[in-house]
């Protein structure tokens, strides 16, 4: 009886140990991912080139509006090529107001209410 109780306690202790290690690995992964994301974001923002918007037009084909210095350019990106299409005036661009950004929960709730209607 004591041997059975000892074995059960040992199994429970092993389960909690594995669970704690699993949670620790998840937390470390999350922190590393955030750190790498912030590092790459800072690297991209440091230069004078910035991708303003990307639109997928077909599988493997995108249009991008990029800012180089103070000029805006449109490029087409395909699997093996990048093609310059032309310039865009800054006044023609639709600027996104940071105060209009929605949280993920707002977007998710809107998606569910649209489906139910």
PDB file of N, CA and C in Angstrom:
ATOM      1  N   UNK A   1       0.821  -1.190   0.000  1.00  0.00           N
ATOM      2  CA  UNK A   1       0.000   0.000   0.000  1.00  0.00           C
ATOM      3  C   UNK A   1       0.872   1.264   0.000  1.00  0.00           C
ATOM      4  N   UNK A   2       1.902   1.242   0.849  1.00  0.00           N
ATOM      5  CA  UNK A   2       2.802   2.399   0.925  1.00  0.00           C
ATOM      6  C   UNK A   2       3.585   2.530  -0.385  1.00  0.00           C
ATOM      7  N   UNK A   3       3.946   1.395  -0.957  1.00  0.00           N
ATOM      8  CA  UNK A   3       4.669   1.422  -2.229  1.00  0.00           C
ATOM      9  C   UNK A   3       3.802   2.013  -3.338  1.00  0.00           C
ATOM     10  N   UNK A   4       2.511   1.677  -3.353  1.00  0.00           N
ATOM     11  CA  UNK A   4       1.567   2.209  -4.348  1.00  0.00           C
ATOM     12  C   UNK A   4       1.394   3.712  -4.167  1.00  0.00           C
ATOM     13  N   UNK A   5       1.275   4.175  -2.922  1.00  0.00           N
ATOM     14  CA  UNK A   5       1.134   5.608  -2.628  1.00  0.00           C
ATOM     15  C   UNK A   5       2.395   6.361  -3.020  1.00  0.00           C
ATOM     16  N   UNK A   6       3.554   5.771  -2.760  1.00  0.00           N
ATOM     17  CA  UNK A   6       4.824   6.393  -3.118  1.00  0.00           C
ATOM     18  C   UNK A   6       4.960   6.503  -4.633  1.00  0.00           C
ATOM     19  N   UNK A   7       4.541   5.446  -5.351  1.00  0.00           N
ATOM     20  CA  UNK A   7       4.610   5.460  -6.809  1.00  0.00           C
ATOM     21  C   UNK A   7       3.674   6.526  -7.387  1.00  0.00           C
ATOM     22  N   UNK A   8       2.476   6.670  -6.815  1.00  0.00           N
ATOM     23  CA  UNK A   8       1.522   7.668  -7.278  1.00  0.00           C
ATOM     24  C   UNK A   8       2.047   9.078  -7.043  1.00  0.00           C
ATOM     25  N   UNK A   9       2.612   9.310  -5.862  1.00  0.00           N
ATOM     26  CA  UNK A   9       3.183  10.636  -5.576  1.00  0.00           C
ATOM     27  C   UNK A   9       4.350  10.943  -6.506  1.00  0.00           C
ATOM     28  N   UNK A  10       5.150   9.929  -6.801  1.00  0.00           N
ATOM     29  CA  UNK A  10       6.275  10.119  -7.719  1.00  0.00           C
ATOM     30  C   UNK A  10       5.765  10.473  -9.124  1.00  0.00           C
ATOM     31  N   UNK A  11       4.703   9.787  -9.558  1.00  0.00           N
ATOM     32  CA  UNK A  11       4.133  10.083 -10.877  1.00  0.00           C
ATOM     33  C   UNK A  11       3.565  11.498 -10.937  1.00  0.00           C
ATOM     34  N   UNK A  12       2.888  11.916  -9.881  1.00  0.00           N
ATOM     35  CA  UNK A  12       2.326  13.269  -9.825  1.00  0.00           C
ATOM     36  C   UNK A  12       3.440  14.309  -9.817  1.00  0.00           C
ATOM     37  N   UNK A  13       4.505  14.035  -9.077  1.00  0.00           N
ATOM     38  CA  UNK A  13       5.640  14.955  -9.034  1.00  0.00           C
ATOM     39  C   UNK A  13       6.292  15.069 -10.406  1.00  0.00           C
ATOM     40  N   UNK A  14       6.418  13.951 -11.122  1.00  0.00           N
ATOM     41  CA  UNK A  14       6.979  13.974 -12.464  1.00  0.00           C
ATOM     42  C   UNK A  14       6.091  14.791 -13.413  1.00  0.00           C
ATOM     43  N   UNK A  15       4.785  14.603 -13.291  1.00  0.00           N
ATOM     44  CA  UNK A  15       3.850  15.346 -14.130  1.00  0.00           C
ATOM     45  C   UNK A  15       3.986  16.844 -13.914  1.00  0.00           C
ATOM     46  N   UNK A  16       4.026  17.284 -12.664  1.00  0.00           N
ATOM     47  CA  UNK A  16       4.171  18.711 -12.376  1.00  0.00           C
ATOM     48  C   UNK A  16       5.531  19.241 -12.825  1.00  0.00           C
ATOM     49  N   UNK A  17       6.572  18.431 -12.694  1.00  0.00           N
ATOM     50  CA  UNK A  17       7.897  18.856 -13.141  1.00  0.00           C
ATOM     51  C   UNK A  17       7.905  19.076 -14.647  1.00  0.00           C
ATOM     52  N   UNK A  18       7.336  18.134 -15.392  1.00  0.00           N
ATOM     53  CA  UNK A  18       7.280  18.269 -16.850  1.00  0.00           C
ATOM     54  C   UNK A  18       6.414  19.463 -17.233  1.00  0.00           C
ATOM     55  N   UNK A  19       5.315  19.669 -16.533  1.00  0.00           N
ATOM     56  CA  UNK A  19       4.442  20.799 -16.811  1.00  0.00           C
ATOM     57  C   UNK A  19       5.153  22.131 -16.559  1.00  0.00           C
ATOM     58  N   UNK A  20       5.887  22.224 -15.480  1.00  0.00           N
ATOM     59  CA  UNK A  20       6.634  23.451 -15.169  1.00  0.00           C
ATOM     60  C   UNK A  20       7.717  23.698 -16.211  1.00  0.00           C
ATOM     61  N   UNK A  21       8.417  22.645 -16.631  1.00  0.00           N
ATOM     62  CA  UNK A  21       9.454  22.798 -17.651  1.00  0.00           C
ATOM     63  C   UNK A  21       8.820  23.242 -18.968  1.00  0.00           C
ATOM     64  N   UNK A  22       7.679  22.667 -19.330  1.00  0.00           N
ATOM     65  CA  UNK A  22       6.972  23.030 -20.562  1.00  0.00           C
ATOM     66  C   UNK A  22       6.565  24.499 -20.541  1.00  0.00           C
ATOM     67  N   UNK A  23       6.003  24.952 -19.431  1.00  0.00           N
ATOM     68  CA  UNK A  23       5.587  26.358 -19.312  1.00  0.00           C
ATOM     69  C   UNK A  23       6.807  27.278 -19.372  1.00  0.00           C
ATOM     70  N   UNK A  24       7.905  26.871 -18.743  1.00  0.00           N
ATOM     71  CA  UNK A  24       9.130  27.676 -18.782  1.00  0.00           C
ATOM     72  C   UNK A  24       9.653  27.803 -20.211  1.00  0.00           C
ATOM     73  N   UNK A  25       9.628  26.710 -20.960  1.00  0.00           N
ATOM     74  CA  UNK A  25      10.079  26.754 -22.354  1.00  0.00           C
ATOM     75  C   UNK A  25       9.169  27.666 -23.179  1.00  0.00           C
ATOM     76  N   UNK A  26       7.858  27.610 -22.957  1.00  0.00           N
ATOM     77  CA  UNK A  26       6.941  28.501 -23.670  1.00  0.00           C
ATOM     78  C   UNK A  26       7.220  29.965 -23.358  1.00  0.00           C
ATOM     79  N   UNK A  27       7.446  30.280 -22.099  1.00  0.00           N
ATOM     80  CA  UNK A  27       7.719  31.667 -21.707  1.00  0.00           C
ATOM     81  C   UNK A  27       9.034  32.150 -22.323  1.00  0.00           C
ATOM     82  N   UNK A  28      10.062  31.314 -22.275  1.00  0.00           N
ATOM     83  CA  UNK A  28      11.351  31.693 -22.861  1.00  0.00           C
ATOM     84  C   UNK A  28      11.205  31.895 -24.367  1.00  0.00           C
ATOM     85  N   UNK A  29      10.446  31.024 -25.032  1.00  0.00           N
ATOM     86  CA  UNK A  29      10.211  31.163 -26.472  1.00  0.00           C
ATOM     87  C   UNK A  29       9.479  32.463 -26.782  1.00  0.00           C
ATOM     88  N   UNK A  30       8.465  32.790 -25.988  1.00  0.00           N
ATOM     89  CA  UNK A  30       7.713  34.027 -26.200  1.00  0.00           C
ATOM     90  C   UNK A  30       8.618  35.249 -26.033  1.00  0.00           C
ATOM     91  N   UNK A  31       9.432  35.258 -24.992  1.00  0.00           N
ATOM     92  CA  UNK A  31      10.315  36.395 -24.750  1.00  0.00           C
ATOM     93  C   UNK A  31      11.360  36.538 -25.856  1.00  0.00           C
ATOM     94  N   UNK A  32      11.918  35.418 -26.309  1.00  0.00           N
ATOM     95  CA  UNK A  32      12.902  35.474 -27.397  1.00  0.00           C
ATOM     96  C   UNK A  32      12.264  35.964 -28.688  1.00  0.00           C
ATOM     97  N   UNK A  33      11.056  35.513 -28.978  1.00  0.00           N
ATOM     98  CA  UNK A  33      10.362  35.947 -30.181  1.00  0.00           C
ATOM     99  C   UNK A  33      10.089  37.446 -30.146  1.00  0.00           C
ATOM    100  N   UNK A  34       9.653  37.947 -28.995  1.00  0.00           N
ATOM    101  CA  UNK A  34       9.424  39.396 -28.856  1.00  0.00           C
ATOM    102  C   UNK A  34      10.723  40.166 -29.042  1.00  0.00           C
ATOM    103  N   UNK A  35      11.790  39.682 -28.434  1.00  0.00           N
ATOM    104  CA  UNK A  35      13.083  40.363 -28.528  1.00  0.00           C
ATOM    105  C   UNK A  35      13.567  40.395 -29.974  1.00  0.00           C
ATOM    106  N   UNK A  36      13.476  39.263 -30.676  1.00  0.00           N
ATOM    107  CA  UNK A  36      13.919  39.209 -32.072  1.00  0.00           C
ATOM    108  C   UNK A  36      13.045  40.104 -32.940  1.00  0.00           C
ATOM    109  N   UNK A  37      11.731  40.101 -32.699  1.00  0.00           N
ATOM    110  CA  UNK A  37      10.834  40.965 -33.461  1.00  0.00           C
ATOM    111  C   UNK A  37      11.153  42.439 -33.270  1.00  0.00           C
ATOM    112  N   UNK A  38      11.390  42.846 -32.030  1.00  0.00           N
ATOM    113  CA  UNK A  38      11.742  44.244 -31.763  1.00  0.00           C
ATOM    114  C   UNK A  38      13.087  44.599 -32.385  1.00  0.00           C
ATOM    115  N   UNK A  39      14.032  43.668 -32.352  1.00  0.00           N
ATOM    116  CA  UNK A  39      15.345  43.900 -32.943  1.00  0.00           C
ATOM    117  C   UNK A  39      15.218  44.103 -34.447  1.00  0.00           C
ATOM    118  N   UNK A  40      14.441  43.227 -35.128  1.00  0.00           N
ATOM    119  CA  UNK A  40      14.267  43.358 -36.568  1.00  0.00           C
ATOM    120  C   UNK A  40      13.479  44.613 -36.924  1.00  0.00           C
ATOM    121  N   UNK A  41      12.525  44.974 -36.096  1.00  0.00           N
ATOM    122  CA  UNK A  41      11.753  46.198 -36.334  1.00  0.00           C
ATOM    123  C   UNK A  41      12.661  47.424 -36.250  1.00  0.00           C
ATOM    124  N   UNK A  42      13.554  47.428 -35.272  1.00  0.00           N
ATOM    125  CA  UNK A  42      14.484  48.545 -35.126  1.00  0.00           C
ATOM    126  C   UNK A  42      15.459  48.591 -36.296  1.00  0.00           C
ATOM    127  N   UNK A  43      15.891  47.435 -36.786  1.00  0.00           N
ATOM    128  CA  UNK A  43      16.799  47.401 -37.931  1.00  0.00           C
ATOM    129  C   UNK A  43      16.118  47.957 -39.181  1.00  0.00           C
ATOM    130  N   UNK A  44      14.847  47.597 -39.378  1.00  0.00           N
ATOM    131  CA  UNK A  44      14.118  48.067 -40.558  1.00  0.00           C
ATOM    132  C   UNK A  44      13.815  49.554 -40.501  1.00  0.00           C
ATOM    133  N   UNK A  45      13.557  50.069 -39.304  1.00  0.00           N
ATOM    134  CA  UNK A  45      13.214  51.480 -39.157  1.00  0.00           C
ATOM    135  C   UNK A  45      14.443  52.377 -39.224  1.00  0.00           C
ATOM    136  N   UNK A  46      15.622  51.809 -39.062  1.00  0.00           N
ATOM    137  CA  UNK A  46      16.838  52.614 -39.027  1.00  0.00           C
ATOM    138  C   UNK A  46      17.217  53.152 -40.403  1.00  0.00           C
ATOM    139  N   UNK A  47      16.801  52.483 -41.469  1.00  0.00           N
ATOM    140  CA  UNK A  47      17.189  52.892 -42.815  1.00  0.00           C
ATOM    141  C   UNK A  47      16.258  53.939 -43.397  1.00  0.00           C
ATOM    142  N   UNK A  48      16.566  54.339 -44.621  1.00  0.00           N
ATOM    143  CA  UNK A  48      15.729  55.332 -45.281  1.00  0.00           C
ATOM    144  C   UNK A  48      14.723  54.682 -46.225  1.00  0.00           C
ATOM    145  N   UNK A  49      14.662  53.354 -46.248  1.00  0.00           N
ATOM    146  CA  UNK A  49      13.685  52.644 -47.065  1.00  0.00           C
ATOM    147  C   UNK A  49      12.677  51.967 -46.146  1.00  0.00           C
ATOM    148  N   UNK A  50      11.403  52.023 -46.546  1.00  0.00           N
ATOM    149  CA  UNK A  50      10.338  51.450 -45.716  1.00  0.00           C
ATOM    150  C   UNK A  50       9.230  50.928 -46.617  1.00  0.00           C
ATOM    151  N   UNK A  51       8.721  49.745 -46.301  1.00  0.00           N
ATOM    152  CA  UNK A  51       7.578  49.197 -47.022  1.00  0.00           C
ATOM    153  C   UNK A  51       6.327  49.811 -46.407  1.00  0.00           C
ATOM    154  N   UNK A  52       5.556  50.526 -47.204  1.00  0.00           N
ATOM    155  CA  UNK A  52       4.347  51.186 -46.727  1.00  0.00           C
ATOM    156  C   UNK A  52       3.165  50.230 -46.767  1.00  0.00           C
ATOM    157  N   UNK A  53       3.001  49.532 -47.888  1.00  0.00           N
ATOM    158  CA  UNK A  53       1.852  48.640 -48.039  1.00  0.00           C
ATOM    159  C   UNK A  53       2.195  47.544 -49.024  1.00  0.00           C
ATOM    160  N   UNK A  54       1.660  46.354 -48.769  1.00  0.00           N
ATOM    161  CA  UNK A  54       1.836  45.216 -49.663  1.00  0.00           C
ATOM    162  C   UNK A  54       0.462  44.641 -49.983  1.00  0.00           C
ATOM    163  N   UNK A  55       0.211  44.405 -51.277  1.00  0.00           N
ATOM    164  CA  UNK A  55      -1.064  43.842 -51.718  1.00  0.00           C
ATOM    165  C   UNK A  55      -0.764  42.632 -52.596  1.00  0.00           C
ATOM    166  N   UNK A  56      -1.378  41.516 -52.254  1.00  0.00           N
ATOM    167  CA  UNK A  56      -1.200  40.307 -53.057  1.00  0.00           C
ATOM    168  C   UNK A  56      -2.174  40.374 -54.232  1.00  0.00           C
ATOM    169  N   UNK A  57      -1.659  40.226 -55.443  1.00  0.00           N
ATOM    170  CA  UNK A  57      -2.524  40.297 -56.619  1.00  0.00           C
ATOM    171  C   UNK A  57      -2.742  38.928 -57.254  1.00  0.00           C
ATOM    172  N   UNK A  58      -1.876  37.989 -56.995  1.00  0.00           N
ATOM    173  CA  UNK A  58      -2.013  36.608 -57.462  1.00  0.00           C
ATOM    174  C   UNK A  58      -1.060  35.763 -56.627  1.00  0.00           C
ATOM    175  N   UNK A  59      -1.155  34.457 -56.809  1.00  0.00           N
ATOM    176  CA  UNK A  59      -0.268  33.607 -56.032  1.00  0.00           C
ATOM    177  C   UNK A  59       1.177  33.858 -56.441  1.00  0.00           C
ATOM    178  N   UNK A  60       1.979  34.248 -55.481  1.00  0.00           N
ATOM    179  CA  UNK A  60       3.390  34.514 -55.741  1.00  0.00           C
ATOM    180  C   UNK A  60       3.660  35.871 -56.361  1.00  0.00           C
ATOM    181  N   UNK A  61       2.644  36.767 -56.406  1.00  0.00           N
ATOM    182  CA  UNK A  61       2.822  38.090 -57.012  1.00  0.00           C
ATOM    183  C   UNK A  61       2.218  39.153 -56.106  1.00  0.00           C
ATOM    184  N   UNK A  62       3.012  40.194 -55.833  1.00  0.00           N
ATOM    185  CA  UNK A  62       2.578  41.263 -54.936  1.00  0.00           C
ATOM    186  C   UNK A  62       2.900  42.620 -55.537  1.00  0.00           C
ATOM    187  N   UNK A  63       2.109  43.608 -55.149  1.00  0.00           N
ATOM    188  CA  UNK A  63       2.428  45.007 -55.395  1.00  0.00           C
ATOM    189  C   UNK A  63       2.836  45.610 -54.067  1.00  0.00           C
ATOM    190  N   UNK A  64       3.886  46.406 -54.078  1.00  0.00           N
ATOM    191  CA  UNK A  64       4.325  47.075 -52.859  1.00  0.00           C
ATOM    192  C   UNK A  64       4.504  48.552 -53.122  1.00  0.00           C
ATOM    193  N   UNK A  65       4.061  49.335 -52.139  1.00  0.00           N
ATOM    194  CA  UNK A  65       4.367  50.763 -52.122  1.00  0.00           C
ATOM    195  C   UNK A  65       5.488  50.913 -51.114  1.00  0.00           C
ATOM    196  N   UNK A  66       6.585  51.471 -51.561  1.00  0.00           N
ATOM    197  CA  UNK A  66       7.731  51.652 -50.672  1.00  0.00           C
ATOM    198  C   UNK A  66       8.111  53.127 -50.638  1.00  0.00           C
ATOM    199  N   UNK A  67       8.663  53.532 -49.497  1.00  0.00           N
ATOM    200  CA  UNK A  67       9.170  54.899 -49.357  1.00  0.00           C
ATOM    201  C   UNK A  67      10.680  54.818 -49.322  1.00  0.00           C
ATOM    202  N   UNK A  68      11.296  55.559 -50.229  1.00  0.00           N
ATOM    203  CA  UNK A  68      12.753  55.657 -50.245  1.00  0.00           C
ATOM    204  C   UNK A  68      13.071  57.127 -50.105  1.00  0.00           C
ATOM    205  N   UNK A  69      13.612  57.495 -48.963  1.00  0.00           N
ATOM    206  CA  UNK A  69      13.813  58.906 -48.656  1.00  0.00           C
ATOM    207  C   UNK A  69      12.455  59.552 -48.461  1.00  0.00           C
ATOM    208  N   UNK A  70      12.135  60.526 -49.300  1.00  0.00           N
ATOM    209  CA  UNK A  70      10.835  61.192 -49.248  1.00  0.00           C
ATOM    210  C   UNK A  70       9.966  60.857 -50.446  1.00  0.00           C
ATOM    211  N   UNK A  71      10.401  59.909 -51.288  1.00  0.00           N
ATOM    212  CA  UNK A  71       9.656  59.555 -52.489  1.00  0.00           C
ATOM    213  C   UNK A  71       8.999  58.202 -52.310  1.00  0.00           C
ATOM    214  N   UNK A  72       7.819  58.050 -52.912  1.00  0.00           N
ATOM    215  CA  UNK A  72       7.066  56.806 -52.837  1.00  0.00           C
ATOM    216  C   UNK A  72       7.102  56.121 -54.200  1.00  0.00           C
ATOM    217  N   UNK A  73       7.421  54.854 -54.210  1.00  0.00           N
ATOM    218  CA  UNK A  73       7.556  54.068 -55.436  1.00  0.00           C
ATOM    219  C   UNK A  73       6.626  52.862 -55.364  1.00  0.00           C
ATOM    220  N   UNK A  74       6.194  52.378 -56.534  1.00  0.00           N
ATOM    221  CA  UNK A  74       5.400  51.156 -56.622  1.00  0.00           C
ATOM    222  C   UNK A  74       6.246  50.122 -57.351  1.00  0.00           C
ATOM    223  N   UNK A  75       6.342  48.935 -56.751  1.00  0.00           N
ATOM    224  CA  UNK A  75       7.089  47.856 -57.368  1.00  0.00           C
ATOM    225  C   UNK A  75       6.213  46.605 -57.415  1.00  0.00           C
ATOM    226  N   UNK A  76       6.476  45.768 -58.406  1.00  0.00           N
ATOM    227  CA  UNK A  76       5.805  44.467 -58.519  1.00  0.00           C
ATOM    228  C   UNK A  76       6.831  43.410 -58.139  1.00  0.00           C
ATOM    229  N   UNK A  77       6.432  42.508 -57.260  1.00  0.00           N
ATOM    230  CA  UNK A  77       7.328  41.452 -56.804  1.00  0.00           C
ATOM    231  C   UNK A  77       6.743  40.120 -57.240  1.00  0.00           C
ATOM    232  N   UNK A  78       7.526  39.377 -57.995  1.00  0.00           N
ATOM    233  CA  UNK A  78       7.128  38.038 -58.429  1.00  0.00           C
ATOM    234  C   UNK A  78       8.108  37.047 -57.823  1.00  0.00           C
ATOM    235  N   UNK A  79       7.955  35.811 -58.191  1.00  0.00           N
ATOM    236  CA  UNK A  79       8.790  34.767 -57.607  1.00  0.00           C
ATOM    237  C   UNK A  79      10.279  35.044 -57.821  1.00  0.00           C
ATOM    238  N   UNK A  80      10.652  35.407 -59.040  1.00  0.00           N
ATOM    239  CA  UNK A  80      12.067  35.594 -59.358  1.00  0.00           C
ATOM    240  C   UNK A  80      12.447  37.015 -59.740  1.00  0.00           C
ATOM    241  N   UNK A  81      11.471  37.936 -59.803  1.00  0.00           N
ATOM    242  CA  UNK A  81      11.786  39.278 -60.284  1.00  0.00           C
ATOM    243  C   UNK A  81      11.142  40.348 -59.410  1.00  0.00           C
ATOM    244  N   UNK A  82      11.741  41.515 -59.466  1.00  0.00           N
ATOM    245  CA  UNK A  82      11.178  42.730 -58.870  1.00  0.00           C
ATOM    246  C   UNK A  82      11.182  43.777 -59.981  1.00  0.00           C
ATOM    247  N   UNK A  83      10.011  44.361 -60.245  1.00  0.00           N
ATOM    248  CA  UNK A  83       9.877  45.310 -61.350  1.00  0.00           C
ATOM    249  C   UNK A  83       9.400  46.655 -60.816  1.00  0.00           C
ATOM    250  N   UNK A  84      10.089  47.708 -61.214  1.00  0.00           N
ATOM    251  CA  UNK A  84       9.696  49.070 -60.844  1.00  0.00           C
ATOM    252  C   UNK A  84       8.546  49.495 -61.745  1.00  0.00           C
ATOM    253  N   UNK A  85       7.438  49.934 -61.141  1.00  0.00           N
ATOM    254  CA  UNK A  85       6.262  50.334 -61.917  1.00  0.00           C
ATOM    255  C   UNK A  85       6.106  51.842 -62.042  1.00  0.00           C
ATOM    256  N   UNK A  86       6.522  52.601 -61.040  1.00  0.00           N
ATOM    257  CA  UNK A  86       6.403  54.047 -61.146  1.00  0.00           C
ATOM    258  C   UNK A  86       6.382  54.720 -59.786  1.00  0.00           C
ATOM    259  N   UNK A  87       6.202  56.031 -59.825  1.00  0.00           N
ATOM    260  CA  UNK A  87       6.132  56.839 -58.609  1.00  0.00           C
ATOM    261  C   UNK A  87       4.689  57.081 -58.212  1.00  0.00           C
ATOM    262  N   UNK A  88       4.484  57.380 -56.942  1.00  0.00           N
ATOM    263  CA  UNK A  88       3.164  57.724 -56.415  1.00  0.00           C
ATOM    264  C   UNK A  88       3.330  59.003 -55.606  1.00  0.00           C
ATOM    265  N   UNK A  89       2.394  59.950 -55.793  1.00  0.00           N
ATOM    266  CA  UNK A  89       2.416  61.160 -54.982  1.00  0.00           C
ATOM    267  C   UNK A  89       1.967  60.829 -53.567  1.00  0.00           C
ATOM    268  N   UNK A  90       2.585  61.483 -52.605  1.00  0.00           N
ATOM    269  CA  UNK A  90       2.216  61.250 -51.206  1.00  0.00           C
ATOM    270  C   UNK A  90       0.764  61.625 -50.954  1.00  0.00           C
ATOM    271  N   UNK A  91       0.262  62.600 -51.678  1.00  0.00           N
ATOM    272  CA  UNK A  91      -1.132  63.022 -51.494  1.00  0.00           C
ATOM    273  C   UNK A  91      -2.125  61.961 -51.974  1.00  0.00           C
ATOM    274  N   UNK A  92      -1.690  61.066 -52.869  1.00  0.00           N
ATOM    275  CA  UNK A  92      -2.563  60.000 -53.371  1.00  0.00           C
ATOM    276  C   UNK A  92      -2.672  58.823 -52.400  1.00  0.00           C
ATOM    277  N   UNK A  93      -1.784  58.759 -51.436  1.00  0.00           N
ATOM    278  CA  UNK A  93      -1.786  57.635 -50.505  1.00  0.00           C
ATOM    279  C   UNK A  93      -2.835  57.832 -49.429  1.00  0.00           C
ATOM    280  N   UNK A  94      -3.479  56.754 -49.074  1.00  0.00           N
ATOM    281  CA  UNK A  94      -4.452  56.772 -47.984  1.00  0.00           C
ATOM    282  C   UNK A  94      -3.683  56.536 -46.689  1.00  0.00           C
ATOM    283  N   UNK A  95      -3.596  57.558 -45.880  1.00  0.00           N
ATOM    284  CA  UNK A  95      -2.865  57.462 -44.621  1.00  0.00           C
ATOM    285  C   UNK A  95      -3.758  56.838 -43.555  1.00  0.00           C
ATOM    286  N   UNK A  96      -3.210  55.890 -42.810  1.00  0.00           N
ATOM    287  CA  UNK A  96      -3.958  55.240 -41.733  1.00  0.00           C
ATOM    288  C   UNK A  96      -3.779  56.043 -40.457  1.00  0.00           C
ATOM    289  N   UNK A  97      -4.887  56.413 -39.852  1.00  0.00           N
ATOM    290  CA  UNK A  97      -4.862  57.160 -38.602  1.00  0.00           C
ATOM    291  C   UNK A  97      -4.601  56.186 -37.463  1.00  0.00           C
ATOM    292  N   UNK A  98      -3.532  56.393 -36.671  1.00  0.00           N
ATOM    293  CA  UNK A  98      -3.225  55.463 -35.580  1.00  0.00           C
ATOM    294  C   UNK A  98      -4.354  55.342 -34.555  1.00  0.00           C
ATOM    295  N   UNK A  99      -5.182  56.375 -34.434  1.00  0.00           N
ATOM    296  CA  UNK A  99      -6.278  56.299 -33.472  1.00  0.00           C
ATOM    297  C   UNK A  99      -7.405  55.397 -33.971  1.00  0.00           C
ATOM    298  N   UNK A 100      -7.414  55.076 -35.276  1.00  0.00           N
ATOM    299  CA  UNK A 100      -8.441  54.215 -35.842  1.00  0.00           C
ATOM    300  C   UNK A 100      -8.068  52.742 -35.806  1.00  0.00           C
ATOM    301  N   UNK A 101      -6.877  52.414 -35.346  1.00  0.00           N
ATOM    302  CA  UNK A 101      -6.467  51.013 -35.307  1.00  0.00           C
ATOM    303  C   UNK A 101      -7.328  50.250 -34.322  1.00  0.00           C
ATOM    304  N   UNK A 102      -7.741  49.055 -34.731  1.00  0.00           N
ATOM    305  CA  UNK A 102      -8.577  48.229 -33.885  1.00  0.00           C
ATOM    306  C   UNK A 102      -7.734  47.173 -33.184  1.00  0.00           C
ATOM    307  N   UNK A 103      -8.186  46.788 -32.017  1.00  0.00           N
ATOM    308  CA  UNK A 103      -7.512  45.713 -31.308  1.00  0.00           C
ATOM    309  C   UNK A 103      -7.936  44.382 -31.915  1.00  0.00           C
ATOM    310  N   UNK A 104      -7.177  43.348 -31.606  1.00  0.00           N
ATOM    311  CA  UNK A 104      -7.488  42.027 -32.133  1.00  0.00           C
ATOM    312  C   UNK A 104      -8.864  41.560 -31.676  1.00  0.00           C
ATOM    313  N   UNK A 105      -9.215  41.854 -30.434  1.00  0.00           N
ATOM    314  CA  UNK A 105     -10.517  41.412 -29.923  1.00  0.00           C
ATOM    315  C   UNK A 105     -11.658  42.107 -30.675  1.00  0.00           C
ATOM    316  N   UNK A 106     -11.481  43.370 -31.063  1.00  0.00           N
ATOM    317  CA  UNK A 106     -12.507  44.070 -31.838  1.00  0.00           C
ATOM    318  C   UNK A 106     -12.661  43.451 -33.224  1.00  0.00           C
ATOM    319  N   UNK A 107     -11.552  43.135 -33.872  1.00  0.00           N
ATOM    320  CA  UNK A 107     -11.600  42.515 -35.196  1.00  0.00           C
ATOM    321  C   UNK A 107     -12.237  41.133 -35.099  1.00  0.00           C
ATOM    322  N   UNK A 108     -11.882  40.370 -34.073  1.00  0.00           N
ATOM    323  CA  UNK A 108     -12.428  39.031 -33.899  1.00  0.00           C
ATOM    324  C   UNK A 108     -13.923  39.065 -33.624  1.00  0.00           C
ATOM    325  N   UNK A 109     -14.356  39.979 -32.764  1.00  0.00           N
ATOM    326  CA  UNK A 109     -15.785  40.066 -32.470  1.00  0.00           C
ATOM    327  C   UNK A 109     -16.567  40.517 -33.708  1.00  0.00           C
ATOM    328  N   UNK A 110     -15.989  41.418 -34.525  1.00  0.00           N
ATOM    329  CA  UNK A 110     -16.653  41.845 -35.754  1.00  0.00           C
ATOM    330  C   UNK A 110     -16.762  40.681 -36.734  1.00  0.00           C
ATOM    331  N   UNK A 111     -15.746  39.842 -36.790  1.00  0.00           N
ATOM    332  CA  UNK A 111     -15.780  38.691 -37.696  1.00  0.00           C
ATOM    333  C   UNK A 111     -16.886  37.722 -37.291  1.00  0.00           C
ATOM    334  N   UNK A 112     -17.074  37.516 -35.986  1.00  0.00           N
ATOM    335  CA  UNK A 112     -18.110  36.600 -35.528  1.00  0.00           C
ATOM    336  C   UNK A 112     -19.503  37.195 -35.707  1.00  0.00           C
ATOM    337  N   UNK A 113     -19.670  38.507 -35.496  1.00  0.00           N
ATOM    338  CA  UNK A 113     -20.995  39.106 -35.671  1.00  0.00           C
ATOM    339  C   UNK A 113     -21.375  39.154 -37.144  1.00  0.00           C
ATOM    340  N   UNK A 114     -20.396  39.355 -38.040  1.00  0.00           N
ATOM    341  CA  UNK A 114     -20.689  39.353 -39.475  1.00  0.00           C
ATOM    342  C   UNK A 114     -21.107  37.974 -39.946  1.00  0.00           C
ATOM    343  N   UNK A 115     -20.524  36.926 -39.388  1.00  0.00           N
ATOM    344  CA  UNK A 115     -20.883  35.566 -39.762  1.00  0.00           C
ATOM    345  C   UNK A 115     -22.293  35.200 -39.323  1.00  0.00           C
ATOM    346  N   UNK A 116     -22.691  35.674 -38.149  1.00  0.00           N
ATOM    347  CA  UNK A 116     -23.988  35.323 -37.591  1.00  0.00           C
ATOM    348  C   UNK A 116     -25.136  36.073 -38.244  1.00  0.00           C
ATOM    349  N   UNK A 117     -24.853  37.154 -38.941  1.00  0.00           N
ATOM    350  CA  UNK A 117     -25.930  37.965 -39.531  1.00  0.00           C
ATOM    351  C   UNK A 117     -26.340  37.447 -40.880  1.00  0.00           C
TER     352      UNK A 117
END
